[in-house]
């Protein structure tokens, strides 16, 4: 029975016994959130293919479970079995995975689950197989001492399309008068054997992220090895991030540290009427030379 407090087919009640207590009681709220914005349907539309129709764990379900794992504080695929540790959460995960399925699809799923003795979350090897489908593309061109950004595979492009739909749904539910973007690269420490060491002294990756301040959401992120400079190829990242925004005509602002002090990025922002605040590395000699210039010596970016 669906009640006014939630969207999925369950309701919240106080449980007076301690046997079914769980530390993941906040996760159902996010399940409601995904279902209310119809993102669960978008995941199926963008990720599931005819090839995966015969599989118990569709790509959309794997991604949804990885989202929940991240929200629960897990940082590796092996943490997935912790999610269904209590009967209550286990039942909620089953209902979420079955939401929106036709009667025929539901029967087929339950039969596959019975035959495979599957649990309410996908096994680690199933998730690894899914992640490696795109993760091994272009690795032969990586190397210490050279900046290389692999092209996104089909799954990564589908996930970008899902994120674009999510951003659109969030923007439709709340008006904002402007768009403020923060561009920055972030060190993500890793223990993978093929990861490179960065200037901070540990193995890491360094994705380039663009964050929308008004919505407090990640608009776009690009996977990069840690040896790729933070100032490398920023204009394409900015263009892809802007393509994720609904066409509203609202003013756009960009904030970046000194890594964003790249003429192609600044020229692009100026041409697109994007106001920007970008750090600039200034040496003592450069500061002295700038101070000696007259006002008439300054030109706009588009001046020849």
C-alpha atoms as a PDB file:
ATOM      1  CA  UNK A   1       0.000   0.000   0.000  1.00  0.00           C
ATOM      2  CA  UNK A   2       1.420   3.367  -1.018  1.00  0.00           C
ATOM      3  CA  UNK A   3       0.986   6.074   1.604  1.00  0.00           C
ATOM      4  CA  UNK A   4       1.361   9.867   1.170  1.00  0.00           C
ATOM      5  CA  UNK A   5       4.706   9.752   3.017  1.00  0.00           C
ATOM      6  CA  UNK A   6       6.525   7.719   0.391  1.00  0.00           C
ATOM      7  CA  UNK A   7       6.470   6.582  -3.228  1.00  0.00           C
ATOM      8  CA  UNK A   8       7.574   2.957  -3.147  1.00  0.00           C
ATOM      9  CA  UNK A   9       5.261   0.187  -1.989  1.00  0.00           C
ATOM     10  CA  UNK A  10       6.101   0.232   1.715  1.00  0.00           C
ATOM     11  CA  UNK A  11       5.476   2.453   4.714  1.00  0.00           C
ATOM     12  CA  UNK A  12       7.535   3.476   7.743  1.00  0.00           C
ATOM     13  CA  UNK A  13       6.577   2.098  11.136  1.00  0.00           C
ATOM     14  CA  UNK A  14       8.235   2.098  14.536  1.00  0.00           C
ATOM     15  CA  UNK A  15       9.702  -1.308  15.397  1.00  0.00           C
ATOM     16  CA  UNK A  16       9.884  -2.004  19.106  1.00  0.00           C
ATOM     17  CA  UNK A  17      12.236  -4.994  18.922  1.00  0.00           C
ATOM     18  CA  UNK A  18      15.999  -4.697  18.547  1.00  0.00           C
ATOM     19  CA  UNK A  19      16.491  -7.822  16.398  1.00  0.00           C
ATOM     20  CA  UNK A  20      15.858  -5.960  13.123  1.00  0.00           C
ATOM     21  CA  UNK A  21      17.779  -2.756  13.876  1.00  0.00           C
ATOM     22  CA  UNK A  22      20.104  -1.537  11.146  1.00  0.00           C
ATOM     23  CA  UNK A  23      22.682   1.194  10.693  1.00  0.00           C
ATOM     24  CA  UNK A  24      21.405   1.786   7.136  1.00  0.00           C
ATOM     25  CA  UNK A  25      17.937   3.098   8.020  1.00  0.00           C
ATOM     26  CA  UNK A  26      18.540   6.259   5.962  1.00  0.00           C
ATOM     27  CA  UNK A  27      18.962   4.424   2.668  1.00  0.00           C
ATOM     28  CA  UNK A  28      15.212   3.966   1.973  1.00  0.00           C
ATOM     29  CA  UNK A  29      14.908   7.762   1.742  1.00  0.00           C
ATOM     30  CA  UNK A  30      17.300   7.722  -1.206  1.00  0.00           C
ATOM     31  CA  UNK A  31      15.355   4.854  -2.777  1.00  0.00           C
ATOM     32  CA  UNK A  32      12.246   7.045  -2.559  1.00  0.00           C
ATOM     33  CA  UNK A  33      14.248   9.934  -4.036  1.00  0.00           C
ATOM     34  CA  UNK A  34      15.407   7.898  -7.051  1.00  0.00           C
ATOM     35  CA  UNK A  35      11.917   6.527  -7.619  1.00  0.00           C
ATOM     36  CA  UNK A  36      10.219   9.923  -7.168  1.00  0.00           C
ATOM     37  CA  UNK A  37      12.452  11.561  -9.796  1.00  0.00           C
ATOM     38  CA  UNK A  38      12.007   8.478 -12.030  1.00  0.00           C
ATOM     39  CA  UNK A  39      15.775   7.964 -12.091  1.00  0.00           C
ATOM     40  CA  UNK A  40      15.321   4.206 -11.604  1.00  0.00           C
ATOM     41  CA  UNK A  41      13.451   4.189 -14.928  1.00  0.00           C
ATOM     42  CA  UNK A  42      16.128   6.372 -16.532  1.00  0.00           C
ATOM     43  CA  UNK A  43      18.809   3.923 -15.385  1.00  0.00           C
ATOM     44  CA  UNK A  44      16.944   1.090 -17.099  1.00  0.00           C
ATOM     45  CA  UNK A  45      16.414   3.136 -20.248  1.00  0.00           C
ATOM     46  CA  UNK A  46      20.038   4.276 -20.605  1.00  0.00           C
ATOM     47  CA  UNK A  47      21.973   1.246 -19.330  1.00  0.00           C
ATOM     48  CA  UNK A  48      19.970  -1.917 -19.957  1.00  0.00           C
ATOM     49  CA  UNK A  49      20.234  -3.506 -23.377  1.00  0.00           C
ATOM     50  CA  UNK A  50      18.706  -6.481 -25.159  1.00  0.00           C
ATOM     51  CA  UNK A  51      21.954  -8.308 -24.428  1.00  0.00           C
ATOM     52  CA  UNK A  52      21.419  -7.917 -20.668  1.00  0.00           C
ATOM     53  CA  UNK A  53      17.730  -8.907 -20.729  1.00  0.00           C
ATOM     54  CA  UNK A  54      18.562 -12.512 -19.887  1.00  0.00           C
ATOM     55  CA  UNK A  55      20.756 -11.555 -16.913  1.00  0.00           C
ATOM     56  CA  UNK A  56      19.510 -11.512 -13.344  1.00  0.00           C
ATOM     57  CA  UNK A  57      21.482  -8.369 -12.485  1.00  0.00           C
ATOM     58  CA  UNK A  58      20.925  -5.715 -15.113  1.00  0.00           C
ATOM     59  CA  UNK A  59      23.444  -2.831 -15.412  1.00  0.00           C
ATOM     60  CA  UNK A  60      20.825  -0.434 -14.007  1.00  0.00           C
ATOM     61  CA  UNK A  61      20.479  -2.531 -10.830  1.00  0.00           C
ATOM     62  CA  UNK A  62      24.245  -2.822 -10.398  1.00  0.00           C
ATOM     63  CA  UNK A  63      24.637   0.965 -10.653  1.00  0.00           C
ATOM     64  CA  UNK A  64      21.765   1.553  -8.199  1.00  0.00           C
ATOM     65  CA  UNK A  65      23.365  -0.791  -5.671  1.00  0.00           C
ATOM     66  CA  UNK A  66      26.739   0.927  -6.094  1.00  0.00           C
ATOM     67  CA  UNK A  67      25.052   4.280  -5.416  1.00  0.00           C
ATOM     68  CA  UNK A  68      23.579   2.890  -2.191  1.00  0.00           C
ATOM     69  CA  UNK A  69      26.953   1.406  -1.247  1.00  0.00           C
ATOM     70  CA  UNK A  70      28.601   4.796  -1.683  1.00  0.00           C
ATOM     71  CA  UNK A  71      25.915   6.497   0.420  1.00  0.00           C
ATOM     72  CA  UNK A  72      26.394   3.861   3.127  1.00  0.00           C
ATOM     73  CA  UNK A  73      30.122   4.601   3.312  1.00  0.00           C
ATOM     74  CA  UNK A  74      31.435   1.608   1.380  1.00  0.00           C
ATOM     75  CA  UNK A  75      34.557   2.171  -0.684  1.00  0.00           C
ATOM     76  CA  UNK A  76      35.023  -1.176  -2.411  1.00  0.00           C
ATOM     77  CA  UNK A  77      32.904  -3.739  -4.209  1.00  0.00           C
ATOM     78  CA  UNK A  78      33.578  -6.297  -1.485  1.00  0.00           C
ATOM     79  CA  UNK A  79      31.489  -4.132   0.895  1.00  0.00           C
ATOM     80  CA  UNK A  80      28.273  -4.849  -1.023  1.00  0.00           C
ATOM     81  CA  UNK A  81      27.243  -7.874   1.124  1.00  0.00           C
ATOM     82  CA  UNK A  82      27.007  -5.527   4.121  1.00  0.00           C
ATOM     83  CA  UNK A  83      23.916  -3.816   2.693  1.00  0.00           C
ATOM     84  CA  UNK A  84      21.434  -6.692   3.127  1.00  0.00           C
ATOM     85  CA  UNK A  85      22.786  -7.532   6.597  1.00  0.00           C
ATOM     86  CA  UNK A  86      19.344  -7.057   8.172  1.00  0.00           C
ATOM     87  CA  UNK A  87      16.015  -8.575   7.015  1.00  0.00           C
ATOM     88  CA  UNK A  88      14.253  -5.206   6.780  1.00  0.00           C
ATOM     89  CA  UNK A  89      16.753  -3.560   4.446  1.00  0.00           C
ATOM     90  CA  UNK A  90      16.994  -6.792   2.462  1.00  0.00           C
ATOM     91  CA  UNK A  91      13.241  -6.670   1.756  1.00  0.00           C
ATOM     92  CA  UNK A  92      13.456  -2.992   0.757  1.00  0.00           C
ATOM     93  CA  UNK A  93      16.242  -3.722  -1.738  1.00  0.00           C
ATOM     94  CA  UNK A  94      14.152  -6.504  -3.269  1.00  0.00           C
ATOM     95  CA  UNK A  95      11.153  -4.176  -3.649  1.00  0.00           C
ATOM     96  CA  UNK A  96      13.300  -1.455  -5.212  1.00  0.00           C
ATOM     97  CA  UNK A  97      14.854  -3.841  -7.741  1.00  0.00           C
ATOM     98  CA  UNK A  98      11.394  -5.174  -8.674  1.00  0.00           C
ATOM     99  CA  UNK A  99       9.633  -1.772  -8.852  1.00  0.00           C
ATOM    100  CA  UNK A 100       8.151  -1.045 -12.276  1.00  0.00           C
ATOM    101  CA  UNK A 101       8.623  -4.544 -13.706  1.00  0.00           C
ATOM    102  CA  UNK A 102       5.815  -6.155 -15.654  1.00  0.00           C
ATOM    103  CA  UNK A 103       4.272  -9.362 -14.347  1.00  0.00           C
ATOM    104  CA  UNK A 104       6.176 -11.432 -16.932  1.00  0.00           C
ATOM    105  CA  UNK A 105       9.495  -9.723 -16.156  1.00  0.00           C
ATOM    106  CA  UNK A 106       8.883 -10.151 -12.430  1.00  0.00           C
ATOM    107  CA  UNK A 107       8.268 -13.898 -12.808  1.00  0.00           C
ATOM    108  CA  UNK A 108      11.383 -14.250 -14.945  1.00  0.00           C
ATOM    109  CA  UNK A 109      13.513 -12.351 -12.418  1.00  0.00           C
ATOM    110  CA  UNK A 110      12.302 -14.383  -9.461  1.00  0.00           C
ATOM    111  CA  UNK A 111      12.911 -17.634 -11.324  1.00  0.00           C
ATOM    112  CA  UNK A 112      16.462 -16.565 -12.231  1.00  0.00           C
ATOM    113  CA  UNK A 113      17.092 -15.549  -8.642  1.00  0.00           C
ATOM    114  CA  UNK A 114      15.818 -18.913  -7.365  1.00  0.00           C
ATOM    115  CA  UNK A 115      17.912 -20.935  -9.832  1.00  0.00           C
ATOM    116  CA  UNK A 116      21.090 -18.961  -9.083  1.00  0.00           C
ATOM    117  CA  UNK A 117      20.488 -18.878  -5.304  1.00  0.00           C
ATOM    118  CA  UNK A 118      21.115 -15.120  -5.543  1.00  0.00           C
ATOM    119  CA  UNK A 119      20.917 -12.690  -2.664  1.00  0.00           C
ATOM    120  CA  UNK A 120      19.328  -9.238  -2.652  1.00  0.00           C
ATOM    121  CA  UNK A 121      22.519  -7.553  -3.936  1.00  0.00           C
ATOM    122  CA  UNK A 122      24.766  -8.611  -6.836  1.00  0.00           C
ATOM    123  CA  UNK A 123      27.864 -10.662  -6.074  1.00  0.00           C
ATOM    124  CA  UNK A 124      31.256  -8.935  -6.175  1.00  0.00           C
ATOM    125  CA  UNK A 125      32.443 -10.827  -9.276  1.00  0.00           C
ATOM    126  CA  UNK A 126      29.264  -9.750 -11.146  1.00  0.00           C
ATOM    127  CA  UNK A 127      29.981  -6.097 -10.366  1.00  0.00           C
ATOM    128  CA  UNK A 128      33.667  -6.446 -11.311  1.00  0.00           C
ATOM    129  CA  UNK A 129      32.686  -7.944 -14.664  1.00  0.00           C
ATOM    130  CA  UNK A 130      30.384  -4.984 -15.301  1.00  0.00           C
ATOM    131  CA  UNK A 131      32.989  -2.389 -14.268  1.00  0.00           C
ATOM    132  CA  UNK A 132      35.727  -3.947 -16.393  1.00  0.00           C
ATOM    133  CA  UNK A 133      33.572  -3.816 -19.498  1.00  0.00           C
ATOM    134  CA  UNK A 134      34.706  -0.238 -20.168  1.00  0.00           C
ATOM    135  CA  UNK A 135      37.539   0.022 -17.654  1.00  0.00           C
ATOM    136  CA  UNK A 136      40.133  -1.738 -19.804  1.00  0.00           C
ATOM    137  CA  UNK A 137      39.696   0.456 -22.880  1.00  0.00           C
ATOM    138  CA  UNK A 138      42.770   2.490 -23.869  1.00  0.00           C
ATOM    139  CA  UNK A 139      44.979   1.331 -20.982  1.00  0.00           C
ATOM    140  CA  UNK A 140      47.865   0.508 -23.344  1.00  0.00           C
ATOM    141  CA  UNK A 141      48.428   4.246 -23.944  1.00  0.00           C
ATOM    142  CA  UNK A 142      48.809   5.115 -20.258  1.00  0.00           C
ATOM    143  CA  UNK A 143      52.242   5.692 -18.783  1.00  0.00           C
ATOM    144  CA  UNK A 144      54.195   7.574 -16.156  1.00  0.00           C
ATOM    145  CA  UNK A 145      55.440  10.885 -17.522  1.00  0.00           C
ATOM    146  CA  UNK A 146      52.770  11.373 -20.205  1.00  0.00           C
ATOM    147  CA  UNK A 147      49.345  12.952 -19.945  1.00  0.00           C
ATOM    148  CA  UNK A 148      46.655  10.716 -21.415  1.00  0.00           C
ATOM    149  CA  UNK A 149      42.886  10.824 -20.852  1.00  0.00           C
ATOM    150  CA  UNK A 150      41.062   7.722 -22.161  1.00  0.00           C
ATOM    151  CA  UNK A 151      37.905   8.214 -24.180  1.00  0.00           C
ATOM    152  CA  UNK A 152      34.778   7.271 -22.230  1.00  0.00           C
ATOM    153  CA  UNK A 153      33.316   3.879 -23.070  1.00  0.00           C
ATOM    154  CA  UNK A 154      29.636   3.224 -23.868  1.00  0.00           C
ATOM    155  CA  UNK A 155      28.741   2.614 -20.210  1.00  0.00           C
ATOM    156  CA  UNK A 156      30.413   5.847 -19.054  1.00  0.00           C
ATOM    157  CA  UNK A 157      28.556   7.786 -21.753  1.00  0.00           C
ATOM    158  CA  UNK A 158      25.273   6.213 -20.625  1.00  0.00           C
ATOM    159  CA  UNK A 159      26.001   7.200 -17.029  1.00  0.00           C
ATOM    160  CA  UNK A 160      26.623  10.784 -18.181  1.00  0.00           C
ATOM    161  CA  UNK A 161      23.219  10.712 -19.874  1.00  0.00           C
ATOM    162  CA  UNK A 162      21.640   9.502 -16.613  1.00  0.00           C
ATOM    163  CA  UNK A 163      23.355  12.298 -14.683  1.00  0.00           C
ATOM    164  CA  UNK A 164      22.114  14.830 -17.236  1.00  0.00           C
ATOM    165  CA  UNK A 165      18.534  13.637 -16.689  1.00  0.00           C
ATOM    166  CA  UNK A 166      19.032  13.824 -12.915  1.00  0.00           C
ATOM    167  CA  UNK A 167      20.354  17.395 -13.158  1.00  0.00           C
ATOM    168  CA  UNK A 168      17.365  18.328 -15.314  1.00  0.00           C
ATOM    169  CA  UNK A 169      14.930  16.847 -12.780  1.00  0.00           C
ATOM    170  CA  UNK A 170      16.585  18.715  -9.908  1.00  0.00           C
ATOM    171  CA  UNK A 171      16.547  22.014 -11.807  1.00  0.00           C
ATOM    172  CA  UNK A 172      12.868  21.567 -12.687  1.00  0.00           C
ATOM    173  CA  UNK A 173      11.969  21.265  -8.993  1.00  0.00           C
ATOM    174  CA  UNK A 174      13.663  24.453  -7.797  1.00  0.00           C
ATOM    175  CA  UNK A 175      14.316  27.782  -9.475  1.00  0.00           C
ATOM    176  CA  UNK A 176      17.724  29.478  -9.333  1.00  0.00           C
ATOM    177  CA  UNK A 177      18.680  32.827 -10.786  1.00  0.00           C
ATOM    178  CA  UNK A 178      22.207  31.856 -11.819  1.00  0.00           C
ATOM    179  CA  UNK A 179      24.587  28.964 -12.451  1.00  0.00           C
ATOM    180  CA  UNK A 180      27.857  28.973 -10.488  1.00  0.00           C
ATOM    181  CA  UNK A 181      30.387  26.313 -11.460  1.00  0.00           C
ATOM    182  CA  UNK A 182      33.468  25.270  -9.484  1.00  0.00           C
ATOM    183  CA  UNK A 183      36.202  23.521 -11.474  1.00  0.00           C
ATOM    184  CA  UNK A 184      38.869  21.582  -9.602  1.00  0.00           C
ATOM    185  CA  UNK A 185      40.879  18.367  -9.706  1.00  0.00           C
ATOM    186  CA  UNK A 186      40.811  16.072  -6.671  1.00  0.00           C
ATOM    187  CA  UNK A 187      43.312  13.454  -5.512  1.00  0.00           C
ATOM    188  CA  UNK A 188      41.570  10.125  -4.798  1.00  0.00           C
ATOM    189  CA  UNK A 189      43.971   7.763  -3.040  1.00  0.00           C
ATOM    190  CA  UNK A 190      43.934   4.191  -4.294  1.00  0.00           C
ATOM    191  CA  UNK A 191      45.717   0.914  -3.647  1.00  0.00           C
ATOM    192  CA  UNK A 192      45.391  -0.424  -7.192  1.00  0.00           C
ATOM    193  CA  UNK A 193      48.628  -1.846  -8.538  1.00  0.00           C
ATOM    194  CA  UNK A 194      48.463  -0.027 -11.881  1.00  0.00           C
ATOM    195  CA  UNK A 195      47.848   3.435 -10.392  1.00  0.00           C
ATOM    196  CA  UNK A 196      50.555   6.105 -10.618  1.00  0.00           C
ATOM    197  CA  UNK A 197      52.114   8.142  -7.818  1.00  0.00           C
ATOM    198  CA  UNK A 198      51.366  11.862  -7.638  1.00  0.00           C
ATOM    199  CA  UNK A 199      53.164  14.832  -6.145  1.00  0.00           C
ATOM    200  CA  UNK A 200      51.502  14.206  -2.772  1.00  0.00           C
ATOM    201  CA  UNK A 201      53.504  11.006  -2.379  1.00  0.00           C
ATOM    202  CA  UNK A 202      50.838   8.312  -2.746  1.00  0.00           C
ATOM    203  CA  UNK A 203      49.156   6.364  -5.537  1.00  0.00           C
ATOM    204  CA  UNK A 204      45.984   8.082  -6.658  1.00  0.00           C
ATOM    205  CA  UNK A 205      43.673   9.117  -9.441  1.00  0.00           C
ATOM    206  CA  UNK A 206      42.903  12.771 -10.118  1.00  0.00           C
ATOM    207  CA  UNK A 207      39.441  13.278 -11.666  1.00  0.00           C
ATOM    208  CA  UNK A 208      38.561  16.727 -12.964  1.00  0.00           C
ATOM    209  CA  UNK A 209      35.261  17.789 -11.401  1.00  0.00           C
ATOM    210  CA  UNK A 210      32.782  20.568 -12.115  1.00  0.00           C
ATOM    211  CA  UNK A 211      30.412  21.258  -9.209  1.00  0.00           C
ATOM    212  CA  UNK A 212      27.258  23.363  -9.393  1.00  0.00           C
ATOM    213  CA  UNK A 213      27.103  25.451  -6.237  1.00  0.00           C
ATOM    214  CA  UNK A 214      23.394  26.377  -6.221  1.00  0.00           C
ATOM    215  CA  UNK A 215      22.250  22.748  -6.461  1.00  0.00           C
ATOM    216  CA  UNK A 216      25.192  21.289  -4.534  1.00  0.00           C
ATOM    217  CA  UNK A 217      25.528  18.554  -7.161  1.00  0.00           C
ATOM    218  CA  UNK A 218      28.361  17.258  -9.308  1.00  0.00           C
ATOM    219  CA  UNK A 219      27.590  18.457 -12.808  1.00  0.00           C
ATOM    220  CA  UNK A 220      30.361  16.581 -14.587  1.00  0.00           C
ATOM    221  CA  UNK A 221      33.465  14.561 -13.736  1.00  0.00           C
ATOM    222  CA  UNK A 222      36.214  13.247 -16.008  1.00  0.00           C
ATOM    223  CA  UNK A 223      38.387  10.307 -14.964  1.00  0.00           C
ATOM    224  CA  UNK A 224      42.112  11.075 -15.060  1.00  0.00           C
ATOM    225  CA  UNK A 225      45.316   9.480 -13.851  1.00  0.00           C
ATOM    226  CA  UNK A 226      47.172  11.423 -11.177  1.00  0.00           C
ATOM    227  CA  UNK A 227      50.027  12.242 -13.570  1.00  0.00           C
ATOM    228  CA  UNK A 228      47.696  14.277 -15.807  1.00  0.00           C
ATOM    229  CA  UNK A 229      48.215  17.966 -14.904  1.00  0.00           C
ATOM    230  CA  UNK A 230      45.198  19.730 -13.432  1.00  0.00           C
ATOM    231  CA  UNK A 231      45.601  22.403 -16.113  1.00  0.00           C
ATOM    232  CA  UNK A 232      45.457  19.921 -19.014  1.00  0.00           C
ATOM    233  CA  UNK A 233      42.591  20.081 -21.591  1.00  0.00           C
ATOM    234  CA  UNK A 234      40.085  22.069 -19.523  1.00  0.00           C
ATOM    235  CA  UNK A 235      38.038  23.581 -22.340  1.00  0.00           C
ATOM    236  CA  UNK A 236      36.510  20.214 -23.437  1.00  0.00           C
ATOM    237  CA  UNK A 237      35.574  19.482 -19.816  1.00  0.00           C
ATOM    238  CA  UNK A 238      33.824  22.844 -19.547  1.00  0.00           C
ATOM    239  CA  UNK A 239      31.939  22.257 -22.794  1.00  0.00           C
ATOM    240  CA  UNK A 240      30.720  18.832 -21.656  1.00  0.00           C
ATOM    241  CA  UNK A 241      29.667  20.215 -18.278  1.00  0.00           C
ATOM    242  CA  UNK A 242      27.621  22.983 -19.904  1.00  0.00           C
ATOM    243  CA  UNK A 243      25.888  20.405 -22.113  1.00  0.00           C
ATOM    244  CA  UNK A 244      24.500  18.804 -18.927  1.00  0.00           C
ATOM    245  CA  UNK A 245      22.641  22.007 -17.979  1.00  0.00           C
ATOM    246  CA  UNK A 246      19.083  22.737 -19.113  1.00  0.00           C
ATOM    247  CA  UNK A 247      18.840  25.575 -21.635  1.00  0.00           C
ATOM    248  CA  UNK A 248      17.478  28.365 -19.446  1.00  0.00           C
ATOM    249  CA  UNK A 249      19.461  31.433 -20.498  1.00  0.00           C
ATOM    250  CA  UNK A 250      20.493  32.143 -16.902  1.00  0.00           C
ATOM    251  CA  UNK A 251      23.904  33.766 -16.291  1.00  0.00           C
ATOM    252  CA  UNK A 252      26.784  31.334 -15.788  1.00  0.00           C
ATOM    253  CA  UNK A 253      29.793  31.952 -13.539  1.00  0.00           C
ATOM    254  CA  UNK A 254      33.019  29.924 -13.268  1.00  0.00           C
ATOM    255  CA  UNK A 255      35.400  29.697 -10.316  1.00  0.00           C
ATOM    256  CA  UNK A 256      38.774  27.965 -10.547  1.00  0.00           C
ATOM    257  CA  UNK A 257      42.191  28.005  -8.980  1.00  0.00           C
ATOM    258  CA  UNK A 258      45.356  28.803 -10.936  1.00  0.00           C
ATOM    259  CA  UNK A 259      45.075  25.524 -12.886  1.00  0.00           C
ATOM    260  CA  UNK A 260      42.270  27.186 -14.838  1.00  0.00           C
ATOM    261  CA  UNK A 261      44.559  29.982 -16.037  1.00  0.00           C
ATOM    262  CA  UNK A 262      44.583  28.625 -19.609  1.00  0.00           C
ATOM    263  CA  UNK A 263      43.999  30.935 -22.562  1.00  0.00           C
ATOM    264  CA  UNK A 264      41.745  28.506 -24.478  1.00  0.00           C
ATOM    265  CA  UNK A 265      39.452  28.098 -21.439  1.00  0.00           C
ATOM    266  CA  UNK A 266      39.356  31.839 -20.681  1.00  0.00           C
ATOM    267  CA  UNK A 267      38.737  32.691 -24.342  1.00  0.00           C
ATOM    268  CA  UNK A 268      35.906  30.135 -24.471  1.00  0.00           C
ATOM    269  CA  UNK A 269      34.289  31.623 -21.359  1.00  0.00           C
ATOM    270  CA  UNK A 270      34.606  35.139 -22.757  1.00  0.00           C
ATOM    271  CA  UNK A 271      33.027  34.117 -26.084  1.00  0.00           C
ATOM    272  CA  UNK A 272      30.186  32.331 -24.248  1.00  0.00           C
ATOM    273  CA  UNK A 273      29.580  35.347 -21.958  1.00  0.00           C
ATOM    274  CA  UNK A 274      30.567  33.342 -18.882  1.00  0.00           C
ATOM    275  CA  UNK A 275      31.893  35.511 -16.057  1.00  0.00           C
ATOM    276  CA  UNK A 276      34.925  33.898 -14.431  1.00  0.00           C
ATOM    277  CA  UNK A 277      37.144  34.247 -11.378  1.00  0.00           C
ATOM    278  CA  UNK A 278      40.349  32.318 -12.033  1.00  0.00           C
ATOM    279  CA  UNK A 279      43.548  32.337 -10.020  1.00  0.00           C
ATOM    280  CA  UNK A 280      46.742  33.467 -11.703  1.00  0.00           C
ATOM    281  CA  UNK A 281      50.265  32.428 -10.625  1.00  0.00           C
ATOM    282  CA  UNK A 282      52.183  35.705 -10.311  1.00  0.00           C
ATOM    283  CA  UNK A 283      55.897  35.885  -9.640  1.00  0.00           C
ATOM    284  CA  UNK A 284      57.598  38.919  -8.107  1.00  0.00           C
ATOM    285  CA  UNK A 285      58.932  39.979 -11.486  1.00  0.00           C
ATOM    286  CA  UNK A 286      55.552  39.552 -13.179  1.00  0.00           C
ATOM    287  CA  UNK A 287      53.803  41.590 -10.470  1.00  0.00           C
ATOM    288  CA  UNK A 288      56.344  44.385 -10.949  1.00  0.00           C
ATOM    289  CA  UNK A 289      55.900  44.347 -14.738  1.00  0.00           C
ATOM    290  CA  UNK A 290      52.093  44.471 -14.435  1.00  0.00           C
ATOM    291  CA  UNK A 291      52.278  47.376 -12.037  1.00  0.00           C
ATOM    292  CA  UNK A 292      54.342  49.328 -14.542  1.00  0.00           C
ATOM    293  CA  UNK A 293      51.684  49.050 -17.279  1.00  0.00           C
ATOM    294  CA  UNK A 294      49.323  51.925 -18.026  1.00  0.00           C
ATOM    295  CA  UNK A 295      45.556  51.446 -18.199  1.00  0.00           C
ATOM    296  CA  UNK A 296      45.631  51.798 -21.980  1.00  0.00           C
ATOM    297  CA  UNK A 297      47.930  48.766 -22.252  1.00  0.00           C
ATOM    298  CA  UNK A 298      45.156  46.358 -21.240  1.00  0.00           C
ATOM    299  CA  UNK A 299      43.055  44.691 -23.945  1.00  0.00           C
ATOM    300  CA  UNK A 300      40.044  42.394 -23.919  1.00  0.00           C
ATOM    301  CA  UNK A 301      40.580  38.711 -24.621  1.00  0.00           C
ATOM    302  CA  UNK A 302      39.114  38.926 -28.111  1.00  0.00           C
ATOM    303  CA  UNK A 303      41.309  41.869 -29.087  1.00  0.00           C
ATOM    304  CA  UNK A 304      43.965  41.116 -31.679  1.00  0.00           C
END
